[in-house]
Amino acid sequence: MTENLNLHDATLVAVRVHWADGTCIVEVDHGTLGICFLTFSTMTLLTLPRKQSWGRSVSINSFSMPSTGRYEIEVQSGDLIIIEASEMTLTASVRP
Protein backbone atom coordinates (compact mmCIF):
# COMPACT_ATOMS: atom_id res chain seq x y z
CA MET A 1 0.00 0.00 0.00
CA THR A 2 2.76 2.47 0.80
CA GLU A 3 4.22 2.35 -2.71
CA ASN A 4 0.85 3.41 -4.19
CA LEU A 5 -0.16 5.81 -1.43
CA ASN A 6 -2.05 8.72 -2.98
CA LEU A 7 -1.35 11.88 -0.98
CA HIS A 8 -2.26 14.33 -3.77
CA ASP A 9 -3.88 17.43 -2.23
CA ALA A 10 -3.34 16.18 1.34
CA THR A 11 -2.12 18.89 3.72
CA LEU A 12 1.41 18.65 5.05
CA VAL A 13 1.04 19.42 8.76
CA ALA A 14 4.41 18.64 10.35
CA VAL A 15 7.70 16.79 10.05
CA ARG A 16 9.24 15.52 13.28
CA VAL A 17 12.56 13.78 13.86
CA HIS A 18 13.38 11.71 16.91
CA TRP A 19 17.13 11.96 16.70
CA ALA A 20 18.04 9.28 19.26
CA ASP A 21 16.33 6.42 17.43
CA GLY A 22 16.39 7.85 13.90
CA THR A 23 12.63 8.00 13.47
CA CYS A 24 11.01 10.60 11.22
CA ILE A 25 7.26 11.18 11.47
CA VAL A 26 5.40 13.09 8.76
CA GLU A 27 1.90 14.21 9.72
CA VAL A 28 -0.59 14.85 6.93
CA ASP A 29 -4.28 15.64 6.80
CA HIS A 30 -5.78 13.47 4.07
CA GLY A 31 -9.26 14.16 2.69
CA THR A 32 -10.34 10.51 2.90
CA LEU A 33 -8.05 8.92 5.48
CA GLY A 34 -8.08 11.78 8.00
CA ILE A 35 -4.99 12.59 10.02
CA CYS A 36 -2.19 10.27 8.94
CA PHE A 37 1.24 9.62 10.34
CA LEU A 38 3.94 8.31 8.02
CA THR A 39 6.61 6.84 10.27
CA PHE A 40 10.03 6.29 8.73
CA SER A 41 12.25 3.92 10.72
CA THR A 42 16.04 4.02 10.90
CA MET A 43 16.18 7.25 8.91
CA THR A 44 19.59 8.04 7.45
CA LEU A 45 18.75 11.11 5.37
CA LEU A 46 16.21 13.91 5.51
CA THR A 47 16.21 16.70 2.96
CA LEU A 48 13.66 19.33 3.93
CA PRO A 49 13.81 22.43 1.70
CA ARG A 50 11.29 25.24 1.98
CA LYS A 51 12.21 27.48 -0.94
CA GLN A 52 8.65 27.65 -2.32
CA SER A 53 9.77 28.24 -5.91
CA TRP A 54 6.21 27.57 -7.19
CA GLY A 55 4.62 29.77 -4.51
CA ARG A 56 3.39 29.15 -0.99
CA SER A 57 1.52 25.91 -0.41
CA VAL A 58 0.97 23.31 2.30
CA SER A 59 -0.59 20.79 -0.12
CA ILE A 60 1.19 17.68 -1.30
CA ASN A 61 1.48 17.14 -5.03
CA SER A 62 2.79 13.56 -4.94
CA PHE A 63 4.31 10.80 -2.83
CA SER A 64 6.63 8.25 -4.36
CA MET A 65 9.17 5.57 -3.56
CA PRO A 66 11.57 5.76 -6.52
CA SER A 67 13.88 3.10 -5.08
CA THR A 68 14.08 0.82 -2.07
CA GLY A 69 14.47 2.88 1.07
CA ARG A 70 14.02 6.26 -0.65
CA TYR A 71 10.78 8.19 -0.24
CA GLU A 72 9.88 11.50 -1.89
CA ILE A 73 7.13 13.95 -1.04
CA GLU A 74 6.68 16.70 -3.60
CA VAL A 75 4.90 19.71 -2.13
CA GLN A 76 2.84 21.97 -4.40
CA SER A 77 5.26 24.76 -3.45
CA GLY A 78 7.86 23.05 -5.64
CA ASP A 79 9.84 21.67 -2.72
CA LEU A 80 10.91 18.01 -2.67
CA ILE A 81 11.22 16.31 0.71
CA ILE A 82 13.51 13.29 0.52
CA ILE A 83 13.67 10.66 3.24
CA GLU A 84 15.92 7.62 3.22
CA ALA A 85 14.89 5.01 5.78
CA SER A 86 14.71 1.26 6.28
CA GLU A 87 10.91 1.23 6.14
CA MET A 88 7.76 3.30 6.33
CA THR A 89 4.49 2.58 8.08
CA LEU A 90 1.22 4.46 7.74
CA THR A 91 -1.14 5.07 10.63
CA ALA A 92 -4.45 6.68 9.68
CA SER A 93 -7.50 7.81 11.64
CA VAL A 94 -10.48 7.39 9.34
CA ARG A 95 -12.87 10.33 9.28
CA PRO A 96 -16.36 9.62 10.70
C-alpha atoms as a PDB file:
ATOM      1  CA  MET A   1       0.000   0.000   0.000  1.00  0.00           C
ATOM      2  CA  THR A   2       2.762   2.472   0.803  1.00  0.00           C
ATOM      3  CA  GLU A   3       4.222   2.349  -2.714  1.00  0.00           C
ATOM      4  CA  ASN A   4       0.851   3.412  -4.186  1.00  0.00           C
ATOM      5  CA  LEU A   5      -0.159   5.813  -1.427  1.00  0.00           C
ATOM      6  CA  ASN A   6      -2.051   8.722  -2.982  1.00  0.00           C
ATOM      7  CA  LEU A   7      -1.349  11.875  -0.978  1.00  0.00           C
ATOM      8  CA  HIS A   8      -2.260  14.332  -3.767  1.00  0.00           C
ATOM      9  CA  ASP A   9      -3.883  17.431  -2.230  1.00  0.00           C
ATOM     10  CA  ALA A  10      -3.338  16.183   1.339  1.00  0.00           C
ATOM     11  CA  THR A  11      -2.119  18.888   3.717  1.00  0.00           C
ATOM     12  CA  LEU A  12       1.413  18.651   5.047  1.00  0.00           C
ATOM     13  CA  VAL A  13       1.039  19.420   8.765  1.00  0.00           C
ATOM     14  CA  ALA A  14       4.411  18.641  10.352  1.00  0.00           C
ATOM     15  CA  VAL A  15       7.696  16.788  10.054  1.00  0.00           C
ATOM     16  CA  ARG A  16       9.238  15.521  13.282  1.00  0.00           C
ATOM     17  CA  VAL A  17      12.560  13.782  13.860  1.00  0.00           C
ATOM     18  CA  HIS A  18      13.379  11.707  16.914  1.00  0.00           C
ATOM     19  CA  TRP A  19      17.135  11.961  16.702  1.00  0.00           C
ATOM     20  CA  ALA A  20      18.037   9.283  19.256  1.00  0.00           C
ATOM     21  CA  ASP A  21      16.331   6.416  17.426  1.00  0.00           C
ATOM     22  CA  GLY A  22      16.391   7.846  13.896  1.00  0.00           C
ATOM     23  CA  THR A  23      12.635   8.003  13.471  1.00  0.00           C
ATOM     24  CA  CYS A  24      11.008  10.596  11.219  1.00  0.00           C
ATOM     25  CA  ILE A  25       7.259  11.181  11.470  1.00  0.00           C
ATOM     26  CA  VAL A  26       5.403  13.092   8.760  1.00  0.00           C
ATOM     27  CA  GLU A  27       1.897  14.212   9.722  1.00  0.00           C
ATOM     28  CA  VAL A  28      -0.585  14.855   6.930  1.00  0.00           C
ATOM     29  CA  ASP A  29      -4.284  15.640   6.801  1.00  0.00           C
ATOM     30  CA  HIS A  30      -5.779  13.470   4.071  1.00  0.00           C
ATOM     31  CA  GLY A  31      -9.262  14.157   2.691  1.00  0.00           C
ATOM     32  CA  THR A  32     -10.343  10.508   2.903  1.00  0.00           C
ATOM     33  CA  LEU A  33      -8.048   8.923   5.481  1.00  0.00           C
ATOM     34  CA  GLY A  34      -8.082  11.775   8.004  1.00  0.00           C
ATOM     35  CA  ILE A  35      -4.989  12.594  10.022  1.00  0.00           C
ATOM     36  CA  CYS A  36      -2.190  10.266   8.939  1.00  0.00           C
ATOM     37  CA  PHE A  37       1.241   9.618  10.336  1.00  0.00           C
ATOM     38  CA  LEU A  38       3.937   8.314   8.024  1.00  0.00           C
ATOM     39  CA  THR A  39       6.611   6.842  10.268  1.00  0.00           C
ATOM     40  CA  PHE A  40      10.029   6.287   8.732  1.00  0.00           C
ATOM     41  CA  SER A  41      12.254   3.918  10.722  1.00  0.00           C
ATOM     42  CA  THR A  42      16.044   4.024  10.899  1.00  0.00           C
ATOM     43  CA  MET A  43      16.177   7.254   8.907  1.00  0.00           C
ATOM     44  CA  THR A  44      19.593   8.036   7.452  1.00  0.00           C
ATOM     45  CA  LEU A  45      18.753  11.105   5.367  1.00  0.00           C
ATOM     46  CA  LEU A  46      16.209  13.906   5.510  1.00  0.00           C
ATOM     47  CA  THR A  47      16.215  16.701   2.956  1.00  0.00           C
ATOM     48  CA  LEU A  48      13.661  19.332   3.928  1.00  0.00           C
ATOM     49  CA  PRO A  49      13.813  22.425   1.696  1.00  0.00           C
ATOM     50  CA  ARG A  50      11.287  25.235   1.978  1.00  0.00           C
ATOM     51  CA  LYS A  51      12.211  27.476  -0.945  1.00  0.00           C
ATOM     52  CA  GLN A  52       8.646  27.653  -2.317  1.00  0.00           C
ATOM     53  CA  SER A  53       9.766  28.244  -5.912  1.00  0.00           C
ATOM     54  CA  TRP A  54       6.209  27.572  -7.190  1.00  0.00           C
ATOM     55  CA  GLY A  55       4.621  29.769  -4.509  1.00  0.00           C
ATOM     56  CA  ARG A  56       3.389  29.152  -0.985  1.00  0.00           C
ATOM     57  CA  SER A  57       1.518  25.913  -0.411  1.00  0.00           C
ATOM     58  CA  VAL A  58       0.966  23.309   2.298  1.00  0.00           C
ATOM     59  CA  SER A  59      -0.586  20.795  -0.119  1.00  0.00           C
ATOM     60  CA  ILE A  60       1.189  17.676  -1.296  1.00  0.00           C
ATOM     61  CA  ASN A  61       1.483  17.137  -5.032  1.00  0.00           C
ATOM     62  CA  SER A  62       2.785  13.557  -4.938  1.00  0.00           C
ATOM     63  CA  PHE A  63       4.312  10.804  -2.834  1.00  0.00           C
ATOM     64  CA  SER A  64       6.635   8.247  -4.359  1.00  0.00           C
ATOM     65  CA  MET A  65       9.172   5.573  -3.562  1.00  0.00           C
ATOM     66  CA  PRO A  66      11.575   5.762  -6.524  1.00  0.00           C
ATOM     67  CA  SER A  67      13.883   3.101  -5.077  1.00  0.00           C
ATOM     68  CA  THR A  68      14.077   0.820  -2.073  1.00  0.00           C
ATOM     69  CA  GLY A  69      14.466   2.885   1.073  1.00  0.00           C
ATOM     70  CA  ARG A  70      14.019   6.259  -0.651  1.00  0.00           C
ATOM     71  CA  TYR A  71      10.776   8.193  -0.243  1.00  0.00           C
ATOM     72  CA  GLU A  72       9.884  11.499  -1.888  1.00  0.00           C
ATOM     73  CA  ILE A  73       7.128  13.948  -1.038  1.00  0.00           C
ATOM     74  CA  GLU A  74       6.682  16.704  -3.596  1.00  0.00           C
ATOM     75  CA  VAL A  75       4.899  19.712  -2.129  1.00  0.00           C
ATOM     76  CA  GLN A  76       2.845  21.975  -4.399  1.00  0.00           C
ATOM     77  CA  SER A  77       5.264  24.762  -3.452  1.00  0.00           C
ATOM     78  CA  GLY A  78       7.862  23.047  -5.642  1.00  0.00           C
ATOM     79  CA  ASP A  79       9.840  21.669  -2.721  1.00  0.00           C
ATOM     80  CA  LEU A  80      10.905  18.015  -2.672  1.00  0.00           C
ATOM     81  CA  ILE A  81      11.224  16.310   0.710  1.00  0.00           C
ATOM     82  CA  ILE A  82      13.512  13.285   0.525  1.00  0.00           C
ATOM     83  CA  ILE A  83      13.675  10.657   3.238  1.00  0.00           C
ATOM     84  CA  GLU A  84      15.922   7.621   3.224  1.00  0.00           C
ATOM     85  CA  ALA A  85      14.890   5.008   5.777  1.00  0.00           C
ATOM     86  CA  SER A  86      14.708   1.265   6.280  1.00  0.00           C
ATOM     87  CA  GLU A  87      10.908   1.227   6.136  1.00  0.00           C
ATOM     88  CA  MET A  88       7.756   3.302   6.334  1.00  0.00           C
ATOM     89  CA  THR A  89       4.489   2.578   8.082  1.00  0.00           C
ATOM     90  CA  LEU A  90       1.218   4.458   7.738  1.00  0.00           C
ATOM     91  CA  THR A  91      -1.142   5.072  10.632  1.00  0.00           C
ATOM     92  CA  ALA A  92      -4.453   6.683   9.685  1.00  0.00           C
ATOM     93  CA  SER A  93      -7.497   7.813  11.641  1.00  0.00           C
ATOM     94  CA  VAL A  94     -10.484   7.392   9.338  1.00  0.00           C
ATOM     95  CA  ARG A  95     -12.872  10.332   9.284  1.00  0.00           C
ATOM     96  CA  PRO A  96     -16.358   9.619  10.700  1.00  0.00           C
END
